[in-house]
C-alpha atoms as a PDB file:
ATOM      1  CA  MET A   1    -117.774  70.953  46.228  1.00  0.00           C
ATOM      2  CA  GLU A   2    -119.781  68.297  44.452  1.00  0.00           C
ATOM      3  CA  ILE A   3    -118.828  66.956  40.992  1.00  0.00           C
ATOM      4  CA  ASN A   4    -121.606  66.236  38.564  1.00  0.00           C
ATOM      5  CA  PRO A   5    -121.383  62.606  37.266  1.00  0.00           C
ATOM      6  CA  LYS A   6    -122.239  63.803  33.747  1.00  0.00           C
ATOM      7  CA  GLU A   7    -119.319  66.237  33.810  1.00  0.00           C
ATOM      8  CA  LEU A   8    -117.043  63.473  35.032  1.00  0.00           C
ATOM      9  CA  GLU A   9    -118.178  61.228  32.168  1.00  0.00           C
ATOM     10  CA  LEU A  10    -117.635  64.038  29.661  1.00  0.00           C
ATOM     11  CA  MET A  11    -114.120  64.643  31.037  1.00  0.00           C
ATOM     12  CA  GLY A  12    -113.291  60.985  30.537  1.00  0.00           C
ATOM     13  CA  LYS A  13    -114.377  61.107  26.902  1.00  0.00           C
ATOM     14  CA  THR A  14    -112.307  64.189  26.061  1.00  0.00           C
ATOM     15  CA  GLN A  15    -109.051  62.926  27.506  1.00  0.00           C
ATOM     16  CA  SER A  16    -106.757  60.941  25.215  1.00  0.00           C
ATOM     17  CA  PRO A  17    -105.908  57.369  26.177  1.00  0.00           C
ATOM     18  CA  PRO A  18    -102.573  56.849  27.943  1.00  0.00           C
ATOM     19  CA  PRO A  19     -99.629  56.154  25.613  1.00  0.00           C
ATOM     20  CA  GLY A  20     -98.431  52.584  25.237  1.00  0.00           C
ATOM     21  CA  LEU A  21     -95.428  51.477  27.229  1.00  0.00           C
ATOM     22  CA  VAL A  22     -93.898  49.399  24.423  1.00  0.00           C
ATOM     23  CA  ASN A  23     -93.864  50.103  20.680  1.00  0.00           C
ATOM     24  CA  PHE A  24     -93.308  47.084  18.455  1.00  0.00           C
ATOM     25  CA  PHE A  25     -91.575  47.431  15.094  1.00  0.00           C
ATOM     26  CA  LYS A  26     -89.563  45.292  12.718  1.00  0.00           C
ATOM     27  CA  VAL A  27     -85.792  45.480  12.685  1.00  0.00           C
ATOM     28  CA  GLU A  28     -86.045  45.850   8.901  1.00  0.00           C
ATOM     29  CA  ASP A  29     -87.864  49.167   9.439  1.00  0.00           C
ATOM     30  CA  VAL A  30     -84.867  50.482  11.369  1.00  0.00           C
ATOM     31  CA  PHE A  31     -82.512  49.291   8.633  1.00  0.00           C
ATOM     32  CA  ASN A  32     -84.660  50.964   5.953  1.00  0.00           C
ATOM     33  CA  LEU A  33     -84.640  54.218   7.910  1.00  0.00           C
ATOM     34  CA  ALA A  34     -80.851  54.096   8.131  1.00  0.00           C
ATOM     35  CA  ARG A  35     -80.509  53.175   4.429  1.00  0.00           C
ATOM     36  CA  ALA A  36     -82.782  56.010   3.345  1.00  0.00           C
ATOM     37  CA  HIS A  37     -80.830  58.675   5.218  1.00  0.00           C
ATOM     38  CA  SER A  38     -77.333  57.496   4.343  1.00  0.00           C
ATOM     39  CA  LEU A  39     -77.408  57.015   0.559  1.00  0.00           C
ATOM     40  CA  TRP A  40     -73.970  57.078  -1.072  1.00  0.00           C
ATOM     41  CA  PRO A  41     -74.244  57.966  -4.779  1.00  0.00           C
ATOM     42  CA  LEU A  42     -71.705  56.742  -7.298  1.00  0.00           C
ATOM     43  CA  THR A  43     -69.486  59.351  -8.977  1.00  0.00           C
ATOM     44  CA  PHE A  44     -70.963  58.788 -12.378  1.00  0.00           C
ATOM     45  CA  GLY A  45     -72.098  60.975 -15.280  1.00  0.00           C
ATOM     46  CA  LEU A  46     -72.574  60.366 -18.986  1.00  0.00           C
ATOM     47  CA  ALA A  47     -73.565  63.642 -20.665  1.00  0.00           C
ATOM     48  CA  CYS A  48     -75.137  67.058 -20.079  1.00  0.00           C
ATOM     49  CA  CYS A  49     -77.451  65.943 -17.230  1.00  0.00           C
ATOM     50  CA  ALA A  50     -74.322  65.224 -15.199  1.00  0.00           C
ATOM     51  CA  ILE A  51     -73.773  69.008 -14.967  1.00  0.00           C
ATOM     52  CA  GLU A  52     -77.119  69.294 -13.168  1.00  0.00           C
ATOM     53  CA  LEU A  53     -76.053  66.396 -10.933  1.00  0.00           C
ATOM     54  CA  MET A  54     -72.866  68.261 -10.042  1.00  0.00           C
ATOM     55  CA  ALA A  55     -74.829  71.446  -9.398  1.00  0.00           C
ATOM     56  CA  GLY A  56     -77.029  69.484  -6.982  1.00  0.00           C
ATOM     57  CA  GLY A  57     -73.967  68.770  -4.856  1.00  0.00           C
ATOM     58  CA  ALA A  58     -72.727  72.375  -4.931  1.00  0.00           C
ATOM     59  CA  ALA A  59     -73.331  74.987  -2.239  1.00  0.00           C
ATOM     60  CA  ARG A  60     -76.567  76.411  -3.651  1.00  0.00           C
ATOM     61  CA  PHE A  61     -78.514  73.140  -3.496  1.00  0.00           C
ATOM     62  CA  ASP A  62     -76.298  71.065  -1.164  1.00  0.00           C
ATOM     63  CA  MET A  63     -77.425  67.452  -1.370  1.00  0.00           C
ATOM     64  CA  ASP A  64     -75.454  66.738   1.795  1.00  0.00           C
ATOM     65  CA  ARG A  65     -78.055  68.412   4.024  1.00  0.00           C
ATOM     66  CA  PHE A  66     -80.462  65.599   3.103  1.00  0.00           C
ATOM     67  CA  GLY A  67     -77.966  62.851   3.925  1.00  0.00           C
ATOM     68  CA  PHE A  68     -76.918  61.775   0.441  1.00  0.00           C
ATOM     69  CA  GLY A  69     -73.890  63.928  -0.302  1.00  0.00           C
ATOM     70  CA  VAL A  70     -71.181  61.324   0.291  1.00  0.00           C
ATOM     71  CA  VAL A  71     -70.399  60.686  -3.373  1.00  0.00           C
ATOM     72  CA  ARG A  72     -68.159  57.636  -3.716  1.00  0.00           C
ATOM     73  CA  PRO A  73     -65.540  57.034  -6.435  1.00  0.00           C
ATOM     74  CA  SER A  74     -65.908  53.235  -6.328  1.00  0.00           C
ATOM     75  CA  PRO A  75     -69.049  51.191  -7.077  1.00  0.00           C
ATOM     76  CA  ARG A  76     -68.108  48.865  -4.209  1.00  0.00           C
ATOM     77  CA  GLN A  77     -68.703  51.736  -1.765  1.00  0.00           C
ATOM     78  CA  ALA A  78     -71.891  53.135  -3.340  1.00  0.00           C
ATOM     79  CA  ASP A  79     -75.523  52.073  -3.057  1.00  0.00           C
ATOM     80  CA  LEU A  80     -77.159  54.654  -5.374  1.00  0.00           C
ATOM     81  CA  MET A  81     -76.518  55.001  -9.105  1.00  0.00           C
ATOM     82  CA  ILE A  82     -77.789  58.227 -10.677  1.00  0.00           C
ATOM     83  CA  VAL A  83     -77.728  57.649 -14.446  1.00  0.00           C
ATOM     84  CA  ALA A  84     -77.359  61.177 -15.831  1.00  0.00           C
ATOM     85  CA  GLY A  85     -77.046  61.564 -19.583  1.00  0.00           C
ATOM     86  CA  THR A  86     -77.266  59.869 -22.949  1.00  0.00           C
ATOM     87  CA  ILE A  87     -76.582  56.127 -22.903  1.00  0.00           C
ATOM     88  CA  SER A  88     -74.686  54.998 -25.973  1.00  0.00           C
ATOM     89  CA  ARG A  89     -74.638  51.309 -26.816  1.00  0.00           C
ATOM     90  CA  LYS A  90     -70.872  51.258 -26.317  1.00  0.00           C
ATOM     91  CA  MET A  91     -71.357  52.528 -22.756  1.00  0.00           C
ATOM     92  CA  ALA A  92     -74.210  50.135 -21.831  1.00  0.00           C
ATOM     93  CA  PRO A  93     -71.957  47.150 -20.875  1.00  0.00           C
ATOM     94  CA  CYS A  94     -69.818  49.461 -18.686  1.00  0.00           C
ATOM     95  CA  ILE A  95     -72.897  50.748 -16.853  1.00  0.00           C
ATOM     96  CA  LYS A  96     -74.085  47.176 -16.351  1.00  0.00           C
ATOM     97  CA  THR A  97     -70.681  46.219 -14.911  1.00  0.00           C
ATOM     98  CA  LEU A  98     -70.715  49.167 -12.493  1.00  0.00           C
ATOM     99  CA  TYR A  99     -74.228  48.245 -11.361  1.00  0.00           C
ATOM    100  CA  ASP A 100     -73.254  44.622 -10.805  1.00  0.00           C
ATOM    101  CA  GLN A 101     -70.247  45.700  -8.698  1.00  0.00           C
ATOM    102  CA  MET A 102     -72.419  47.732  -6.302  1.00  0.00           C
ATOM    103  CA  PRO A 103     -73.343  45.936  -3.063  1.00  0.00           C
ATOM    104  CA  SER A 104     -76.990  45.161  -2.310  1.00  0.00           C
ATOM    105  CA  PRO A 105     -79.364  46.737  -1.590  1.00  0.00           C
ATOM    106  CA  LYS A 106     -78.725  49.184  -4.433  1.00  0.00           C
ATOM    107  CA  TYR A 107     -80.949  51.778  -6.036  1.00  0.00           C
ATOM    108  CA  VAL A 108     -81.078  53.549  -9.398  1.00  0.00           C
ATOM    109  CA  ILE A 109     -82.371  56.974 -10.426  1.00  0.00           C
ATOM    110  CA  ALA A 110     -82.787  57.756 -14.138  1.00  0.00           C
ATOM    111  CA  LEU A 111     -82.033  61.471 -14.463  1.00  0.00           C
ATOM    112  CA  GLY A 112     -83.225  63.275 -17.588  1.00  0.00           C
ATOM    113  CA  GLY A 113     -84.988  62.405 -20.820  1.00  0.00           C
ATOM    114  CA  CYS A 114     -82.128  60.356 -22.305  1.00  0.00           C
ATOM    115  CA  ALA A 115     -81.751  58.094 -19.270  1.00  0.00           C
ATOM    116  CA  THR A 116     -85.517  57.584 -18.987  1.00  0.00           C
ATOM    117  CA  ALA A 117     -86.510  56.985 -22.627  1.00  0.00           C
ATOM    118  CA  GLY A 118     -83.799  57.993 -25.101  1.00  0.00           C
ATOM    119  CA  GLY A 119     -84.582  61.716 -25.144  1.00  0.00           C
ATOM    120  CA  PRO A 120     -84.098  63.568 -28.450  1.00  0.00           C
ATOM    121  CA  PHE A 121     -82.163  60.615 -29.831  1.00  0.00           C
ATOM    122  CA  LYS A 122     -85.246  58.397 -30.027  1.00  0.00           C
ATOM    123  CA  TYR A 123     -86.265  58.447 -33.674  1.00  0.00           C
ATOM    124  CA  PRO A 124     -86.755  55.853 -36.433  1.00  0.00           C
ATOM    125  CA  GLY A 125     -83.523  54.363 -37.700  1.00  0.00           C
ATOM    126  CA  GLN A 126     -81.220  55.292 -34.823  1.00  0.00           C
ATOM    127  CA  TYR A 127     -79.016  52.484 -33.626  1.00  0.00           C
ATOM    128  CA  GLY A 128     -76.354  54.052 -31.405  1.00  0.00           C
ATOM    129  CA  ILE A 129     -78.369  55.144 -28.361  1.00  0.00           C
ATOM    130  CA  LEU A 130     -80.057  52.957 -25.739  1.00  0.00           C
ATOM    131  CA  GLU A 131     -83.657  54.079 -25.270  1.00  0.00           C
ATOM    132  CA  GLY A 132     -83.692  54.210 -21.476  1.00  0.00           C
ATOM    133  CA  ILE A 133     -81.473  52.712 -18.795  1.00  0.00           C
ATOM    134  CA  ASP A 134     -84.336  50.489 -17.607  1.00  0.00           C
ATOM    135  CA  LYS A 135     -83.613  48.262 -20.609  1.00  0.00           C
ATOM    136  CA  ILE A 136     -80.526  46.871 -18.840  1.00  0.00           C
ATOM    137  CA  ILE A 137     -80.913  47.638 -15.113  1.00  0.00           C
ATOM    138  CA  PRO A 138     -83.961  48.149 -12.860  1.00  0.00           C
ATOM    139  CA  VAL A 139     -84.881  51.770 -12.050  1.00  0.00           C
ATOM    140  CA  ASN A 140     -86.507  52.971  -8.816  1.00  0.00           C
ATOM    141  CA  VAL A 141     -87.214  56.633  -9.650  1.00  0.00           C
ATOM    142  CA  TYR A 142     -87.487  58.492 -12.969  1.00  0.00           C
ATOM    143  CA  VAL A 143     -86.698  62.236 -13.081  1.00  0.00           C
ATOM    144  CA  PRO A 144     -87.919  63.726 -16.392  1.00  0.00           C
ATOM    145  CA  GLY A 145     -86.547  66.815 -18.084  1.00  0.00           C
ATOM    146  CA  CYS A 146     -83.970  67.894 -20.667  1.00  0.00           C
ATOM    147  CA  PRO A 147     -82.115  68.652 -18.526  1.00  0.00           C
ATOM    148  CA  PRO A 148     -83.936  68.501 -15.183  1.00  0.00           C
ATOM    149  CA  ARG A 149     -82.921  71.160 -12.682  1.00  0.00           C
ATOM    150  CA  PRO A 150     -81.077  70.210  -9.483  1.00  0.00           C
ATOM    151  CA  GLU A 151     -84.317  70.737  -7.537  1.00  0.00           C
ATOM    152  CA  ALA A 152     -85.892  67.951  -9.596  1.00  0.00           C
ATOM    153  CA  LEU A 153     -82.988  65.658  -8.708  1.00  0.00           C
ATOM    154  CA  LEU A 154     -83.447  66.482  -5.015  1.00  0.00           C
ATOM    155  CA  ALA A 155     -87.167  65.725  -5.336  1.00  0.00           C
ATOM    156  CA  GLY A 156     -86.318  62.398  -6.990  1.00  0.00           C
ATOM    157  CA  ILE A 157     -83.924  61.411  -4.222  1.00  0.00           C
ATOM    158  CA  LEU A 158     -86.454  62.410  -1.560  1.00  0.00           C
ATOM    159  CA  GLU A 159     -89.007  60.200  -3.338  1.00  0.00           C
ATOM    160  CA  LEU A 160     -86.487  57.348  -3.283  1.00  0.00           C
ATOM    161  CA  GLN A 161     -85.957  57.896   0.452  1.00  0.00           C
ATOM    162  CA  LYS A 162     -89.711  57.681   0.959  1.00  0.00           C
ATOM    163  CA  GLN A 163     -89.875  54.413  -0.993  1.00  0.00           C
ATOM    164  CA  ILE A 164     -86.991  52.923   1.009  1.00  0.00           C
ATOM    165  CA  ILE A 165     -88.547  53.870   4.363  1.00  0.00           C
ATOM    166  CA  GLU A 166     -91.862  52.322   3.307  1.00  0.00           C
ATOM    167  CA  GLY A 167     -90.061  49.173   2.142  1.00  0.00           C
ATOM    168  CA  LYS A 168     -91.163  49.606  -1.490  1.00  0.00           C
ATOM    169  CA  ALA A 169     -87.716  50.068  -3.040  1.00  0.00           C
ATOM    170  CA  GLN A 170     -85.835  46.802  -3.206  1.00  0.00           C
ATOM    171  CA  GLY A 171     -82.460  46.183  -4.781  1.00  0.00           C
ATOM    172  CA  ARG A 172     -82.902  43.537  -7.482  1.00  0.00           C
ATOM    173  CA  THR A 173     -80.728  41.529  -9.819  1.00  0.00           C
ATOM    174  CA  SER A 174     -80.507  43.302 -13.141  1.00  0.00           C
ATOM    175  CA  PRO A 175     -81.552  41.605 -16.387  1.00  0.00           C
ATOM    176  CA  ALA A 176     -78.696  40.488 -18.603  1.00  0.00           C
ATOM    177  CA  VAL A 177     -80.195  41.335 -21.997  1.00  0.00           C
ATOM    178  CA  VAL A 178     -81.158  44.597 -23.658  1.00  0.00           C
ATOM    179  CA  HIS A 179     -84.877  44.879 -24.442  1.00  0.00           C
ATOM    180  CA  ASP A 180     -85.690  47.794 -26.720  1.00  0.00           C
ATOM    181  CA  SER A 181     -86.862  48.585 -30.213  1.00  0.00           C
ATOM    182  CA  GLN A 182     -83.417  47.945 -31.717  1.00  0.00           C
ATOM    183  CA  ASP A 183     -83.193  44.291 -30.677  1.00  0.00           C
ATOM    184  CA  ASN A 184     -84.910  42.949 -33.789  1.00  0.00           C
ATOM    185  CA  ARG A 185     -82.664  44.811 -36.200  1.00  0.00           C
ATOM    186  CA  PRO A 186     -79.949  42.952 -38.109  1.00  0.00           C
ATOM    187  CA  ALA A 187     -76.439  43.226 -36.709  1.00  0.00           C
ATOM    188  CA  GLU A 188     -75.189  45.246 -39.669  1.00  0.00           C
ATOM    189  CA  HIS A 189     -78.138  47.688 -39.418  1.00  0.00           C
ATOM    190  CA  LYS A 190     -78.915  47.517 -43.137  1.00  0.00           C
ATOM    191  CA  ASN A 191     -82.114  49.522 -42.919  1.00  0.00           C
ATOM    192  CA  ALA A 192     -80.672  52.249 -40.683  1.00  0.00           C
ATOM    193  CA  ILE A 193     -80.833  55.806 -41.977  1.00  0.00           C
ATOM    194  CA  SER A 194     -78.993  58.866 -40.821  1.00  0.00           C
ATOM    195  CA  ARG A 195     -80.678  61.642 -38.885  1.00  0.00           C
ATOM    196  CA  ALA A 196     -80.223  64.043 -41.826  1.00  0.00           C
ATOM    197  CA  GLU A 197     -81.937  61.616 -44.212  1.00  0.00           C
ATOM    198  CA  PHE A 198     -84.783  61.073 -41.746  1.00  0.00           C
ATOM    199  CA  ARG A 199     -85.462  64.813 -41.534  1.00  0.00           C
ATOM    200  CA  LYS A 200     -85.465  65.416 -45.296  1.00  0.00           C
ATOM    201  CA  THR A 201     -88.806  66.486 -46.691  1.00  0.00           C
ATOM    202  CA  THR A 202     -90.137  64.455 -49.624  1.00  0.00           C
END
């Protein structure tokens, strides 16, 4: 049987090239892969969004099947802070302390409207609520909603895993000062008005 040279040439073009014998990668890529699939969240909740956080760890949603269900009671054992709930100004220094006690690399998810931008408490004259956790610590992923469902939290953590694997999420040193619209107000809050007064019709 004789083989046509044109057929032989066509066969060579359709076959895939042989796989490489050695694949080169950075050791940091392996570390990032391990970090992404072994996140340990801090046992931490501030207000109503913490209920959704707890539901995310329950049997129906089961965060553990994605590799981030080992919730730790100590910040020294955790590398993920999920800020869930309203951030009062009295609580802000405590959150900052917990963040500083976490080992690097560490990551932050802002869960819900209050943690991302102040939520329903952002209105003229308010002085007791911090308008977003990113005013005191760096945030990697924002999950909007009031409150967001546990599926949204899972989607946010999966997005964080993607960022870590790609090397885009880096643990950073947090800023030491609060930067929001209340910084320029006098300490005694002379021009502050109550929520009831703000809503009165003139």
